[in-house]
């Protein structure tokens, strides 16, 4: 599965309204990736009221998305 960095994707199979996800390379700080997730009405502590999750490497990033079961529509 190809997961683009710094692109905002829409999660098509979510029950949360306007559910979005974005992955940032955080290798300079933590060596891993930050996954930001938000939706209409979310109240997370980050920009766009997003919640963040951290994974240590590309394999863990792939596993995270597989376990979430998201069907993400990434921009072309």
C-alpha atoms as a PDB file:
ATOM      1  CA  UNK A   1       0.000   0.000   0.000  1.00  0.00           C
ATOM      2  CA  UNK A   2       1.390   3.382  -0.963  1.00  0.00           C
ATOM      3  CA  UNK A   3       0.970   6.003   1.760  1.00  0.00           C
ATOM      4  CA  UNK A   4       2.025   9.470   0.613  1.00  0.00           C
ATOM      5  CA  UNK A   5       3.665  11.817   3.095  1.00  0.00           C
ATOM      6  CA  UNK A   6       2.277  15.297   3.819  1.00  0.00           C
ATOM      7  CA  UNK A   7      -0.860  14.653   1.736  1.00  0.00           C
ATOM      8  CA  UNK A   8      -4.331  14.843   3.238  1.00  0.00           C
ATOM      9  CA  UNK A   9      -6.466  11.813   2.478  1.00  0.00           C
ATOM     10  CA  UNK A  10     -10.195  11.336   2.989  1.00  0.00           C
ATOM     11  CA  UNK A  11     -11.237   8.144   4.757  1.00  0.00           C
ATOM     12  CA  UNK A  12     -14.114   6.888   2.630  1.00  0.00           C
ATOM     13  CA  UNK A  13     -15.295   4.055   4.865  1.00  0.00           C
ATOM     14  CA  UNK A  14     -15.451   5.958   8.160  1.00  0.00           C
ATOM     15  CA  UNK A  15     -18.537   6.639  10.251  1.00  0.00           C
ATOM     16  CA  UNK A  16     -17.001   9.978  11.305  1.00  0.00           C
ATOM     17  CA  UNK A  17     -18.056  12.961   9.147  1.00  0.00           C
ATOM     18  CA  UNK A  18     -15.321  14.294   6.841  1.00  0.00           C
ATOM     19  CA  UNK A  19     -12.710  11.946   8.369  1.00  0.00           C
ATOM     20  CA  UNK A  20      -9.192  12.900   7.204  1.00  0.00           C
ATOM     21  CA  UNK A  21      -5.678  11.534   7.692  1.00  0.00           C
ATOM     22  CA  UNK A  22      -2.192  12.905   7.028  1.00  0.00           C
ATOM     23  CA  UNK A  23       1.212  11.256   7.583  1.00  0.00           C
ATOM     24  CA  UNK A  24       4.346  13.264   8.373  1.00  0.00           C
ATOM     25  CA  UNK A  25       7.934  12.043   8.325  1.00  0.00           C
ATOM     26  CA  UNK A  26       9.265  12.714  11.827  1.00  0.00           C
ATOM     27  CA  UNK A  27      12.614  10.997  11.315  1.00  0.00           C
ATOM     28  CA  UNK A  28      14.574  14.125  12.259  1.00  0.00           C
ATOM     29  CA  UNK A  29      12.951  14.208  15.724  1.00  0.00           C
ATOM     30  CA  UNK A  30      11.776  10.717  16.641  1.00  0.00           C
ATOM     31  CA  UNK A  31      12.972   8.493  13.815  1.00  0.00           C
ATOM     32  CA  UNK A  32       9.402   7.540  12.895  1.00  0.00           C
ATOM     33  CA  UNK A  33       6.173   8.831  11.425  1.00  0.00           C
ATOM     34  CA  UNK A  34       3.340  10.920  12.858  1.00  0.00           C
ATOM     35  CA  UNK A  35      -0.189  10.082  11.746  1.00  0.00           C
ATOM     36  CA  UNK A  36      -2.675  12.928  12.146  1.00  0.00           C
ATOM     37  CA  UNK A  37      -6.388  12.094  12.130  1.00  0.00           C
ATOM     38  CA  UNK A  38      -9.345  14.491  12.348  1.00  0.00           C
ATOM     39  CA  UNK A  39     -12.993  14.873  11.366  1.00  0.00           C
ATOM     40  CA  UNK A  40     -15.844  17.356  11.702  1.00  0.00           C
ATOM     41  CA  UNK A  41     -16.311  17.892  15.426  1.00  0.00           C
ATOM     42  CA  UNK A  42     -13.031  16.278  16.544  1.00  0.00           C
ATOM     43  CA  UNK A  43     -11.324  17.953  19.489  1.00  0.00           C
ATOM     44  CA  UNK A  44      -7.729  16.792  19.276  1.00  0.00           C
ATOM     45  CA  UNK A  45      -4.827  18.901  20.572  1.00  0.00           C
ATOM     46  CA  UNK A  46      -3.146  19.527  17.188  1.00  0.00           C
ATOM     47  CA  UNK A  47      -3.933  21.788  14.229  1.00  0.00           C
ATOM     48  CA  UNK A  48      -7.367  21.094  12.683  1.00  0.00           C
ATOM     49  CA  UNK A  49      -8.230  19.563  16.097  1.00  0.00           C
ATOM     50  CA  UNK A  50      -6.345  16.458  14.995  1.00  0.00           C
ATOM     51  CA  UNK A  51      -5.248  13.536  17.103  1.00  0.00           C
ATOM     52  CA  UNK A  52      -1.764  12.169  16.493  1.00  0.00           C
ATOM     53  CA  UNK A  53      -0.366   8.667  16.550  1.00  0.00           C
ATOM     54  CA  UNK A  54       3.284   7.676  16.216  1.00  0.00           C
ATOM     55  CA  UNK A  55       4.876   4.648  14.573  1.00  0.00           C
ATOM     56  CA  UNK A  56       8.611   3.866  14.529  1.00  0.00           C
ATOM     57  CA  UNK A  57       9.131   2.859  10.897  1.00  0.00           C
ATOM     58  CA  UNK A  58       7.638   2.157   7.453  1.00  0.00           C
ATOM     59  CA  UNK A  59       6.610  -1.405   8.385  1.00  0.00           C
ATOM     60  CA  UNK A  60       4.708  -0.154  11.430  1.00  0.00           C
ATOM     61  CA  UNK A  61       3.084   2.555   9.299  1.00  0.00           C
ATOM     62  CA  UNK A  62       1.841  -0.060   6.841  1.00  0.00           C
ATOM     63  CA  UNK A  63       0.538  -2.216   9.710  1.00  0.00           C
ATOM     64  CA  UNK A  64      -1.230   0.753  11.293  1.00  0.00           C
ATOM     65  CA  UNK A  65      -3.179   1.481   8.115  1.00  0.00           C
ATOM     66  CA  UNK A  66      -3.970  -2.199   7.521  1.00  0.00           C
ATOM     67  CA  UNK A  67      -5.263  -2.629  11.080  1.00  0.00           C
ATOM     68  CA  UNK A  68      -7.345   0.546  10.808  1.00  0.00           C
ATOM     69  CA  UNK A  69      -9.015  -0.917   7.712  1.00  0.00           C
ATOM     70  CA  UNK A  70      -9.311   2.514   6.148  1.00  0.00           C
ATOM     71  CA  UNK A  71     -10.041   3.029   2.471  1.00  0.00           C
ATOM     72  CA  UNK A  72      -8.206   6.300   1.957  1.00  0.00           C
ATOM     73  CA  UNK A  73      -8.780   8.530  -1.051  1.00  0.00           C
ATOM     74  CA  UNK A  74      -5.485  10.355  -1.586  1.00  0.00           C
ATOM     75  CA  UNK A  75      -5.238  13.421  -3.839  1.00  0.00           C
ATOM     76  CA  UNK A  76      -4.046  12.701  -7.373  1.00  0.00           C
END
